[in-house]
Amino acid sequence: VVDMDEIRRELRRRGWYFCDHRGENSTLGDSIWLCMYPYQERMVE
């Protein structure tokens, strides 16, 4: 239901870096993803 392209643009505007999985719009295949490592603990919230 949420526009994932807008999610990507706004998060990047706020300085976040992550990976994209470009699926068809409005499907579960359209996502952002991250590989989680211990140093990222303080960044999750």
All heavy atoms as atom14 arrays in JSON, in Angstrom:
{
  "sequence": "VVDMDEIRRELRRRGWYFCDHRGENSTLGDSIWLCMYPYQERMVE",
  "atom14_mask": [
    [1, 1, 1, 1, 1, 1, 1, 0, 0, 0, 0, 0, 0, 0],
    [1, 1, 1, 1, 1, 1, 1, 0, 0, 0, 0, 0, 0, 0],
    [1, 1, 1, 1, 1, 1, 1, 1, 0, 0, 0, 0, 0, 0],
    [1, 1, 1, 1, 1, 1, 1, 1, 0, 0, 0, 0, 0, 0],
    [1, 1, 1, 1, 1, 1, 1, 1, 0, 0, 0, 0, 0, 0],
    [1, 1, 1, 1, 1, 1, 1, 1, 1, 0, 0, 0, 0, 0],
    [1, 1, 1, 1, 1, 1, 1, 1, 0, 0, 0, 0, 0, 0],
    [1, 1, 1, 1, 1, 1, 1, 1, 1, 1, 1, 0, 0, 0],
    [1, 1, 1, 1, 1, 1, 1, 1, 1, 1, 1, 0, 0, 0],
    [1, 1, 1, 1, 1, 1, 1, 1, 1, 0, 0, 0, 0, 0],
    [1, 1, 1, 1, 1, 1, 1, 1, 0, 0, 0, 0, 0, 0],
    [1, 1, 1, 1, 1, 1, 1, 1, 1, 1, 1, 0, 0, 0],
    [1, 1, 1, 1, 1, 1, 1, 1, 1, 1, 1, 0, 0, 0],
    [1, 1, 1, 1, 1, 1, 1, 1, 1, 1, 1, 0, 0, 0],
    [1, 1, 1, 1, 0, 0, 0, 0, 0, 0, 0, 0, 0, 0],
    [1, 1, 1, 1, 1, 1, 1, 1, 1, 1, 1, 1, 1, 1],
    [1, 1, 1, 1, 1, 1, 1, 1, 1, 1, 1, 1, 0, 0],
    [1, 1, 1, 1, 1, 1, 1, 1, 1, 1, 1, 0, 0, 0],
    [1, 1, 1, 1, 1, 1, 0, 0, 0, 0, 0, 0, 0, 0],
    [1, 1, 1, 1, 1, 1, 1, 1, 0, 0, 0, 0, 0, 0],
    [1, 1, 1, 1, 1, 1, 1, 1, 1, 1, 0, 0, 0, 0],
    [1, 1, 1, 1, 1, 1, 1, 1, 1, 1, 1, 0, 0, 0],
    [1, 1, 1, 1, 0, 0, 0, 0, 0, 0, 0, 0, 0, 0],
    [1, 1, 1, 1, 1, 1, 1, 1, 1, 0, 0, 0, 0, 0],
    [1, 1, 1, 1, 1, 1, 1, 1, 0, 0, 0, 0, 0, 0],
    [1, 1, 1, 1, 1, 1, 0, 0, 0, 0, 0, 0, 0, 0],
    [1, 1, 1, 1, 1, 1, 1, 0, 0, 0, 0, 0, 0, 0],
    [1, 1, 1, 1, 1, 1, 1, 1, 0, 0, 0, 0, 0, 0],
    [1, 1, 1, 1, 0, 0, 0, 0, 0, 0, 0, 0, 0, 0],
    [1, 1, 1, 1, 1, 1, 1, 1, 0, 0, 0, 0, 0, 0],
    [1, 1, 1, 1, 1, 1, 0, 0, 0, 0, 0, 0, 0, 0],
    [1, 1, 1, 1, 1, 1, 1, 1, 0, 0, 0, 0, 0, 0],
    [1, 1, 1, 1, 1, 1, 1, 1, 1, 1, 1, 1, 1, 1],
    [1, 1, 1, 1, 1, 1, 1, 1, 0, 0, 0, 0, 0, 0],
    [1, 1, 1, 1, 1, 1, 0, 0, 0, 0, 0, 0, 0, 0],
    [1, 1, 1, 1, 1, 1, 1, 1, 0, 0, 0, 0, 0, 0],
    [1, 1, 1, 1, 1, 1, 1, 1, 1, 1, 1, 1, 0, 0],
    [1, 1, 1, 1, 1, 1, 1, 0, 0, 0, 0, 0, 0, 0],
    [1, 1, 1, 1, 1, 1, 1, 1, 1, 1, 1, 1, 0, 0],
    [1, 1, 1, 1, 1, 1, 1, 1, 1, 0, 0, 0, 0, 0],
    [1, 1, 1, 1, 1, 1, 1, 1, 1, 0, 0, 0, 0, 0],
    [1, 1, 1, 1, 1, 1, 1, 1, 1, 1, 1, 0, 0, 0],
    [1, 1, 1, 1, 1, 1, 1, 1, 0, 0, 0, 0, 0, 0],
    [1, 1, 1, 1, 1, 1, 1, 0, 0, 0, 0, 0, 0, 0],
    [1, 1, 1, 1, 1, 1, 1, 1, 1, 0, 0, 0, 0, 0]
  ],
  "atom14_positions": [
    [[0.82, -1.23, 0.0], [0.0, 0.0, 0.0], [0.84, 1.27, 0.0], [0.44, 2.29, -0.56], [-0.97, 0.01, 1.21], [-1.98, -1.11, 1.07], [-0.23, -0.1, 2.53], [0.0, 0.0, 0.0], [0.0, 0.0, 0.0], [0.0, 0.0, 0.0], [0.0, 0.0, 0.0], [0.0, 0.0, 0.0], [0.0, 0.0, 0.0], [0.0, 0.0, 0.0]],
    [[1.99, 1.23, 0.64], [2.88, 2.4, 0.69], [3.72, 2.45, -0.58], [4.16, 1.42, -1.1], [3.79, 2.34, 1.94], [4.81, 3.46, 1.92], [2.95, 2.39, 3.21], [0.0, 0.0, 0.0], [0.0, 0.0, 0.0], [0.0, 0.0, 0.0], [0.0, 0.0, 0.0], [0.0, 0.0, 0.0], [0.0, 0.0, 0.0], [0.0, 0.0, 0.0]],
    [[3.97, 3.65, -1.09], [4.78, 3.84, -2.29], [6.25, 3.63, -1.91], [6.87, 4.49, -1.28], [4.57, 5.25, -2.84], [5.29, 5.48, -4.17], [6.22, 4.72, -4.48], [4.93, 6.44, -4.88], [0.0, 0.0, 0.0], [0.0, 0.0, 0.0], [0.0, 0.0, 0.0], [0.0, 0.0, 0.0], [0.0, 0.0, 0.0], [0.0, 0.0, 0.0]],
    [[6.81, 2.49, -2.3], [8.19, 2.18, -1.91], [9.2, 3.11, -2.57], [10.26, 3.37, -2.01], [8.5, 0.72, -2.24], [7.79, -0.29, -1.35], [8.1, -0.07, 0.42], [9.87, -0.34, 0.51], [0.0, 0.0, 0.0], [0.0, 0.0, 0.0], [0.0, 0.0, 0.0], [0.0, 0.0, 0.0], [0.0, 0.0, 0.0], [0.0, 0.0, 0.0]],
    [[8.9, 3.63, -3.75], [9.81, 4.58, -4.37], [9.91, 5.85, -3.53], [11.0, 6.43, -3.39], [9.34, 4.92, -5.79], [9.65, 3.82, -6.78], [10.6, 3.05, -6.54], [8.96, 3.72, -7.8], [0.0, 0.0, 0.0], [0.0, 0.0, 0.0], [0.0, 0.0, 0.0], [0.0, 0.0, 0.0], [0.0, 0.0, 0.0], [0.0, 0.0, 0.0]],
    [[8.8, 6.28, -2.99], [8.84, 7.46, -2.12], [9.58, 7.15, -0.83], [10.33, 8.0, -0.31], [7.41, 7.93, -1.8], [7.39, 9.21, -0.99], [6.0, 9.79, -0.85], [5.18, 9.63, -1.78], [5.74, 10.42, 0.2], [0.0, 0.0, 0.0], [0.0, 0.0, 0.0], [0.0, 0.0, 0.0], [0.0, 0.0, 0.0], [0.0, 0.0, 0.0]],
    [[9.4, 5.95, -0.31], [10.15, 5.53, 0.88], [11.65, 5.62, 0.61], [12.42, 6.16, 1.4], [9.77, 4.08, 1.27], [8.32, 4.0, 1.75], [10.75, 3.53, 2.31], [8.08, 4.51, 3.13], [0.0, 0.0, 0.0], [0.0, 0.0, 0.0], [0.0, 0.0, 0.0], [0.0, 0.0, 0.0], [0.0, 0.0, 0.0], [0.0, 0.0, 0.0]],
    [[12.08, 5.1, -0.54], [13.5, 5.11, -0.88], [14.03, 6.54, -0.98], [15.09, 6.88, -0.42], [13.72, 4.38, -2.21], [13.43, 2.9, -2.19], [13.68, 2.29, -3.57], [13.45, 0.86, -3.58], [12.35, 0.27, -4.05], [11.37, 1.01, -4.58], [12.21, -1.04, -4.01], [0.0, 0.0, 0.0], [0.0, 0.0, 0.0], [0.0, 0.0, 0.0]],
    [[13.3, 7.38, -1.72], [13.76, 8.76, -1.94], [13.89, 9.51, -0.62], [14.91, 10.18, -0.37], [12.8, 9.49, -2.87], [12.91, 9.1, -4.33], [12.17, 10.09, -5.21], [10.74, 10.14, -4.89], [9.82, 9.37, -5.47], [10.19, 8.5, -6.4], [8.54, 9.47, -5.14], [0.0, 0.0, 0.0], [0.0, 0.0, 0.0], [0.0, 0.0, 0.0]],
    [[12.88, 9.42, 0.23], [12.88, 10.2, 1.45], [13.92, 9.68, 2.45], [14.6, 10.47, 3.12], [11.49, 10.19, 2.08], [11.35, 11.02, 3.35], [11.7, 12.49, 3.16], [11.64, 12.99, 2.02], [12.05, 13.14, 4.18], [0.0, 0.0, 0.0], [0.0, 0.0, 0.0], [0.0, 0.0, 0.0], [0.0, 0.0, 0.0], [0.0, 0.0, 0.0]],
    [[14.06, 8.37, 2.55], [15.08, 7.83, 3.46], [16.47, 8.25, 3.01], [17.33, 8.59, 3.84], [14.97, 6.31, 3.54], [13.79, 5.74, 4.34], [13.78, 4.22, 4.24], [13.86, 6.16, 5.81], [0.0, 0.0, 0.0], [0.0, 0.0, 0.0], [0.0, 0.0, 0.0], [0.0, 0.0, 0.0], [0.0, 0.0, 0.0], [0.0, 0.0, 0.0]],
    [[16.71, 8.22, 1.71], [18.03, 8.63, 1.22], [18.24, 10.13, 1.42], [19.36, 10.57, 1.7], [18.17, 8.24, -0.26], [18.32, 6.73, -0.44], [18.82, 6.35, -1.83], [19.18, 4.94, -1.87], [18.51, 4.01, -2.54], [17.45, 4.34, -3.26], [18.89, 2.74, -2.5], [0.0, 0.0, 0.0], [0.0, 0.0, 0.0], [0.0, 0.0, 0.0]],
    [[17.18, 10.9, 1.28], [17.3, 12.34, 1.54], [17.69, 12.6, 2.99], [18.4, 13.56, 3.29], [15.97, 13.04, 1.23], [16.04, 14.56, 1.24], [14.68, 15.2, 1.13], [13.88, 14.95, 2.33], [14.02, 15.63, 3.46], [14.93, 16.59, 3.57], [13.26, 15.37, 4.5], [0.0, 0.0, 0.0], [0.0, 0.0, 0.0], [0.0, 0.0, 0.0]],
    [[17.25, 11.71, 3.88], [17.58, 11.84, 5.3], [18.94, 11.23, 5.64], [19.34, 11.21, 6.8], [16.5, 11.2, 6.16], [15.13, 11.83, 5.99], [14.12, 11.27, 6.97], [12.78, 11.8, 6.73], [11.76, 11.7, 7.6], [11.95, 11.1, 8.76], [10.57, 12.2, 7.29], [0.0, 0.0, 0.0], [0.0, 0.0, 0.0], [0.0, 0.0, 0.0]],
    [[19.64, 10.74, 4.63], [21.01, 10.29, 4.83], [21.2, 8.8, 5.05], [22.31, 8.36, 5.39], [0.0, 0.0, 0.0], [0.0, 0.0, 0.0], [0.0, 0.0, 0.0], [0.0, 0.0, 0.0], [0.0, 0.0, 0.0], [0.0, 0.0, 0.0], [0.0, 0.0, 0.0], [0.0, 0.0, 0.0], [0.0, 0.0, 0.0], [0.0, 0.0, 0.0]],
    [[20.17, 7.98, 4.82], [20.29, 6.54, 5.02], [20.74, 5.83, 3.76], [20.39, 6.21, 2.67], [18.96, 5.95, 5.48], [18.53, 6.39, 6.84], [17.54, 7.28, 7.15], [19.09, 5.97, 8.09], [17.44, 7.43, 8.51], [18.38, 6.64, 9.11], [20.12, 5.1, 8.45], [18.67, 6.47, 10.47], [20.4, 4.93, 9.79], [19.7, 5.61, 10.78]],
    [[21.53, 4.76, 3.97], [21.99, 3.92, 2.88], [21.46, 2.51, 3.08], [21.48, 1.99, 4.2], [23.52, 3.89, 2.8], [24.12, 5.2, 2.38], [24.37, 6.21, 3.32], [24.44, 5.45, 1.06], [24.91, 7.42, 2.95], [24.99, 6.67, 0.66], [25.22, 7.65, 1.62], [25.74, 8.84, 1.24], [0.0, 0.0, 0.0], [0.0, 0.0, 0.0]],
    [[20.99, 1.89, 2.01], [20.42, 0.54, 2.08], [20.41, -0.02, 0.67], [20.76, 0.66, -0.3], [19.0, 0.58, 2.66], [18.13, 1.65, 2.05], [17.45, 1.44, 0.87], [18.04, 2.9, 2.66], [16.68, 2.43, 0.3], [17.27, 3.9, 2.09], [16.58, 3.68, 0.91], [0.0, 0.0, 0.0], [0.0, 0.0, 0.0], [0.0, 0.0, 0.0]],
    [[19.99, -1.27, 0.54], [19.93, -1.93, -0.77], [18.49, -1.97, -1.27], [17.54, -1.94, -0.49], [20.48, -3.35, -0.68], [22.19, -3.45, -0.12], [0.0, 0.0, 0.0], [0.0, 0.0, 0.0], [0.0, 0.0, 0.0], [0.0, 0.0, 0.0], [0.0, 0.0, 0.0], [0.0, 0.0, 0.0], [0.0, 0.0, 0.0], [0.0, 0.0, 0.0]],
    [[18.34, -2.04, -2.59], [17.02, -2.1, -3.22], [16.76, -3.47, -3.81], [17.67, -4.13, -4.32], [16.91, -1.08, -4.36], [16.78, 0.34, -3.86], [16.31, 0.52, -2.72], [17.15, 1.27, -4.6], [0.0, 0.0, 0.0], [0.0, 0.0, 0.0], [0.0, 0.0, 0.0], [0.0, 0.0, 0.0], [0.0, 0.0, 0.0], [0.0, 0.0, 0.0]],
    [[15.5, -3.88, -3.75], [15.04, -5.01, -4.55], [13.86, -4.49, -5.35], [12.77, -4.27, -4.82], [14.61, -6.19, -3.67], [14.29, -7.42, -4.45], [13.02, -7.71, -4.88], [15.08, -8.44, -4.88], [13.02, -8.86, -5.55], [14.26, -9.32, -5.56], [0.0, 0.0, 0.0], [0.0, 0.0, 0.0], [0.0, 0.0, 0.0], [0.0, 0.0, 0.0]],
    [[14.08, -4.24, -6.63], [13.09, -3.55, -7.47], [12.1, -4.54, -8.05], [12.29, -5.09, -9.13], [13.81, -2.8, -8.6], [14.7, -1.68, -8.11], [13.9, -0.46, -7.69], [14.76, 0.63, -7.28], [14.35, 1.88, -7.13], [13.09, 2.18, -7.37], [15.18, 2.81, -6.73], [0.0, 0.0, 0.0], [0.0, 0.0, 0.0], [0.0, 0.0, 0.0]],
    [[11.03, -4.77, -7.31], [9.97, -5.61, -7.81], [8.84, -4.78, -8.39], [8.93, -3.54, -8.48], [0.0, 0.0, 0.0], [0.0, 0.0, 0.0], [0.0, 0.0, 0.0], [0.0, 0.0, 0.0], [0.0, 0.0, 0.0], [0.0, 0.0, 0.0], [0.0, 0.0, 0.0], [0.0, 0.0, 0.0], [0.0, 0.0, 0.0], [0.0, 0.0, 0.0]],
    [[7.79, -5.42, -8.79], [6.63, -4.72, -9.33], [5.99, -3.87, -8.23], [5.88, -4.29, -7.08], [5.63, -5.73, -9.89], [4.44, -5.11, -10.59], [3.51, -6.15, -11.17], [3.92, -7.33, -11.25], [2.37, -5.79, -11.52], [0.0, 0.0, 0.0], [0.0, 0.0, 0.0], [0.0, 0.0, 0.0], [0.0, 0.0, 0.0], [0.0, 0.0, 0.0]],
    [[5.57, -2.65, -8.58], [4.98, -1.75, -7.6], [3.78, -2.4, -6.91], [3.02, -3.15, -7.51], [4.52, -0.45, -8.27], [5.69, 0.42, -8.67], [6.77, 0.31, -8.1], [5.49, 1.29, -9.64], [0.0, 0.0, 0.0], [0.0, 0.0, 0.0], [0.0, 0.0, 0.0], [0.0, 0.0, 0.0], [0.0, 0.0, 0.0], [0.0, 0.0, 0.0]],
    [[3.64, -2.09, -5.61], [2.51, -2.57, -4.8], [2.49, -4.09, -4.64], [1.44, -4.69, -4.47], [1.17, -2.08, -5.37], [1.13, -0.67, -5.4], [0.0, 0.0, 0.0], [0.0, 0.0, 0.0], [0.0, 0.0, 0.0], [0.0, 0.0, 0.0], [0.0, 0.0, 0.0], [0.0, 0.0, 0.0], [0.0, 0.0, 0.0], [0.0, 0.0, 0.0]],
    [[3.66, -4.7, -4.7], [3.78, -6.13, -4.43], [4.86, -6.32, -3.36], [5.7, -5.44, -3.14], [4.17, -6.93, -5.68], [5.53, -6.61, -6.05], [3.23, -6.63, -6.85], [0.0, 0.0, 0.0], [0.0, 0.0, 0.0], [0.0, 0.0, 0.0], [0.0, 0.0, 0.0], [0.0, 0.0, 0.0], [0.0, 0.0, 0.0], [0.0, 0.0, 0.0]],
    [[4.84, -7.46, -2.72], [5.83, -7.74, -1.67], [7.24, -7.85, -2.23], [8.22, -7.79, -1.49], [5.46, -9.03, -0.93], [4.15, -8.98, -0.12], [3.92, -10.32, 0.56], [4.19, -7.86, 0.92], [0.0, 0.0, 0.0], [0.0, 0.0, 0.0], [0.0, 0.0, 0.0], [0.0, 0.0, 0.0], [0.0, 0.0, 0.0], [0.0, 0.0, 0.0]],
    [[7.35, -8.01, -3.54], [8.68, -8.1, -4.15], [9.38, -6.77, -4.29], [10.56, -6.72, -4.64], [0.0, 0.0, 0.0], [0.0, 0.0, 0.0], [0.0, 0.0, 0.0], [0.0, 0.0, 0.0], [0.0, 0.0, 0.0], [0.0, 0.0, 0.0], [0.0, 0.0, 0.0], [0.0, 0.0, 0.0], [0.0, 0.0, 0.0], [0.0, 0.0, 0.0]],
    [[8.69, -5.67, -4.01], [9.28, -4.33, -4.1], [9.71, -3.93, -2.7], [8.87, -3.6, -1.86], [8.26, -3.35, -4.68], [8.89, -2.05, -5.12], [10.1, -2.05, -5.43], [8.18, -1.03, -5.17], [0.0, 0.0, 0.0], [0.0, 0.0, 0.0], [0.0, 0.0, 0.0], [0.0, 0.0, 0.0], [0.0, 0.0, 0.0], [0.0, 0.0, 0.0]],
    [[11.01, -3.94, -2.43], [11.44, -3.78, -1.04], [12.77, -3.06, -0.93], [13.47, -2.82, -1.91], [11.57, -5.16, -0.39], [12.65, -5.88, -0.96], [0.0, 0.0, 0.0], [0.0, 0.0, 0.0], [0.0, 0.0, 0.0], [0.0, 0.0, 0.0], [0.0, 0.0, 0.0], [0.0, 0.0, 0.0], [0.0, 0.0, 0.0], [0.0, 0.0, 0.0]],
    [[13.09, -2.71, 0.31], [14.44, -2.27, 0.67], [14.99, -3.33, 1.63], [14.23, -4.01, 2.32], [14.46, -0.88, 1.33], [13.64, -0.87, 2.63], [13.93, 0.16, 0.35], [13.73, 0.44, 3.39], [0.0, 0.0, 0.0], [0.0, 0.0, 0.0], [0.0, 0.0, 0.0], [0.0, 0.0, 0.0], [0.0, 0.0, 0.0], [0.0, 0.0, 0.0]],
    [[16.32, -3.48, 1.65], [16.89, -4.5, 2.53], [18.26, -4.09, 3.02], [18.93, -3.24, 2.42], [16.93, -5.86, 1.85], [17.8, -5.98, 0.63], [17.49, -5.6, -0.64], [19.14, -6.49, 0.58], [18.52, -5.87, -1.49], [19.56, -6.42, -0.77], [20.0, -7.04, 1.52], [20.81, -6.84, -1.2], [21.26, -7.46, 1.11], [21.65, -7.37, -0.24]],
    [[18.65, -4.69, 4.15], [19.93, -4.39, 4.78], [20.52, -5.67, 5.34], [19.8, -6.55, 5.8], [19.77, -3.39, 5.94], [19.04, -2.08, 5.67], [17.57, -2.21, 6.04], [19.68, -0.95, 6.46], [0.0, 0.0, 0.0], [0.0, 0.0, 0.0], [0.0, 0.0, 0.0], [0.0, 0.0, 0.0], [0.0, 0.0, 0.0], [0.0, 0.0, 0.0]],
    [[21.84, -5.77, 5.31], [22.55, -6.86, 5.97], [22.95, -6.37, 7.35], [23.59, -5.31, 7.48], [23.77, -7.28, 5.17], [24.41, -8.89, 5.63], [0.0, 0.0, 0.0], [0.0, 0.0, 0.0], [0.0, 0.0, 0.0], [0.0, 0.0, 0.0], [0.0, 0.0, 0.0], [0.0, 0.0, 0.0], [0.0, 0.0, 0.0], [0.0, 0.0, 0.0]],
    [[22.54, -7.09, 8.38], [22.68, -6.62, 9.76], [23.96, -7.13, 10.41], [24.19, -8.34, 10.49], [21.48, -7.08, 10.58], [20.15, -6.58, 10.05], [20.06, -4.78, 10.18], [18.38, -4.5, 9.62], [0.0, 0.0, 0.0], [0.0, 0.0, 0.0], [0.0, 0.0, 0.0], [0.0, 0.0, 0.0], [0.0, 0.0, 0.0], [0.0, 0.0, 0.0]],
    [[24.77, -6.19, 10.91], [26.01, -6.51, 11.6], [26.01, -5.86, 12.99], [25.26, -4.9, 13.23], [27.2, -6.02, 10.8], [27.38, -6.73, 9.48], [27.06, -6.1, 8.28], [27.85, -8.04, 9.43], [27.21, -6.76, 7.06], [28.01, -8.7, 8.23], [27.69, -8.05, 7.04], [27.83, -8.72, 5.85], [0.0, 0.0, 0.0], [0.0, 0.0, 0.0]],
    [[26.85, -6.35, 13.9], [26.83, -5.82, 15.27], [27.0, -4.3, 15.36], [26.37, -3.66, 16.21], [28.0, -6.56, 15.94], [28.03, -7.88, 15.25], [27.7, -7.55, 13.8], [0.0, 0.0, 0.0], [0.0, 0.0, 0.0], [0.0, 0.0, 0.0], [0.0, 0.0, 0.0], [0.0, 0.0, 0.0], [0.0, 0.0, 0.0], [0.0, 0.0, 0.0]],
    [[27.82, -3.72, 14.49], [28.03, -2.27, 14.59], [26.78, -1.47, 14.27], [26.71, -0.27, 14.56], [29.19, -1.84, 13.68], [28.87, -1.82, 12.2], [28.34, -0.68, 11.6], [29.1, -2.93, 11.42], [28.05, -0.67, 10.25], [28.81, -2.93, 10.06], [28.29, -1.79, 9.49], [28.0, -1.78, 8.14], [0.0, 0.0, 0.0], [0.0, 0.0, 0.0]],
    [[25.77, -2.12, 13.66], [24.55, -1.41, 13.3], [23.52, -1.37, 14.42], [22.45, -0.78, 14.25], [23.93, -2.06, 12.05], [24.77, -1.89, 10.8], [24.25, -2.7, 9.63], [23.82, -3.83, 9.82], [24.3, -2.14, 8.44], [0.0, 0.0, 0.0], [0.0, 0.0, 0.0], [0.0, 0.0, 0.0], [0.0, 0.0, 0.0], [0.0, 0.0, 0.0]],
    [[23.85, -1.96, 15.56], [22.87, -2.05, 16.64], [22.32, -0.67, 17.01], [21.12, -0.5, 17.21], [23.51, -2.71, 17.86], [22.55, -2.88, 19.02], [23.16, -3.64, 20.18], [24.4, -3.64, 20.29], [22.4, -4.23, 20.96], [0.0, 0.0, 0.0], [0.0, 0.0, 0.0], [0.0, 0.0, 0.0], [0.0, 0.0, 0.0], [0.0, 0.0, 0.0]],
    [[23.19, 0.32, 17.09], [22.75, 1.65, 17.5], [21.95, 2.37, 16.43], [21.35, 3.42, 16.7], [23.96, 2.5, 17.9], [24.93, 2.74, 16.75], [26.19, 3.46, 17.21], [27.15, 3.59, 16.15], [27.13, 4.55, 15.23], [26.19, 5.48, 15.26], [28.06, 4.6, 14.28], [0.0, 0.0, 0.0], [0.0, 0.0, 0.0], [0.0, 0.0, 0.0]],
    [[21.92, 1.84, 15.21], [21.23, 2.52, 14.11], [19.83, 1.97, 13.85], [19.07, 2.56, 13.09], [22.05, 2.4, 12.82], [23.46, 2.95, 12.91], [24.33, 2.79, 11.34], [25.92, 2.25, 11.89], [0.0, 0.0, 0.0], [0.0, 0.0, 0.0], [0.0, 0.0, 0.0], [0.0, 0.0, 0.0], [0.0, 0.0, 0.0], [0.0, 0.0, 0.0]],
    [[19.49, 0.81, 14.46], [18.22, 0.18, 14.14], [17.04, 1.07, 14.51], [16.15, 1.32, 13.68], [18.1, -1.19, 14.86], [16.69, -1.76, 14.7], [19.12, -2.17, 14.28], [0.0, 0.0, 0.0], [0.0, 0.0, 0.0], [0.0, 0.0, 0.0], [0.0, 0.0, 0.0], [0.0, 0.0, 0.0], [0.0, 0.0, 0.0], [0.0, 0.0, 0.0]],
    [[17.0, 1.55, 15.75], [15.86, 2.36, 16.18], [15.75, 3.68, 15.39], [14.64, 4.02, 14.94], [15.93, 2.64, 17.69], [15.27, 1.57, 18.54], [16.01, 0.23, 18.47], [17.25, 0.24, 18.36], [15.36, -0.83, 18.52], [0.0, 0.0, 0.0], [0.0, 0.0, 0.0], [0.0, 0.0, 0.0], [0.0, 0.0, 0.0], [0.0, 0.0, 0.0]]
  ]
}
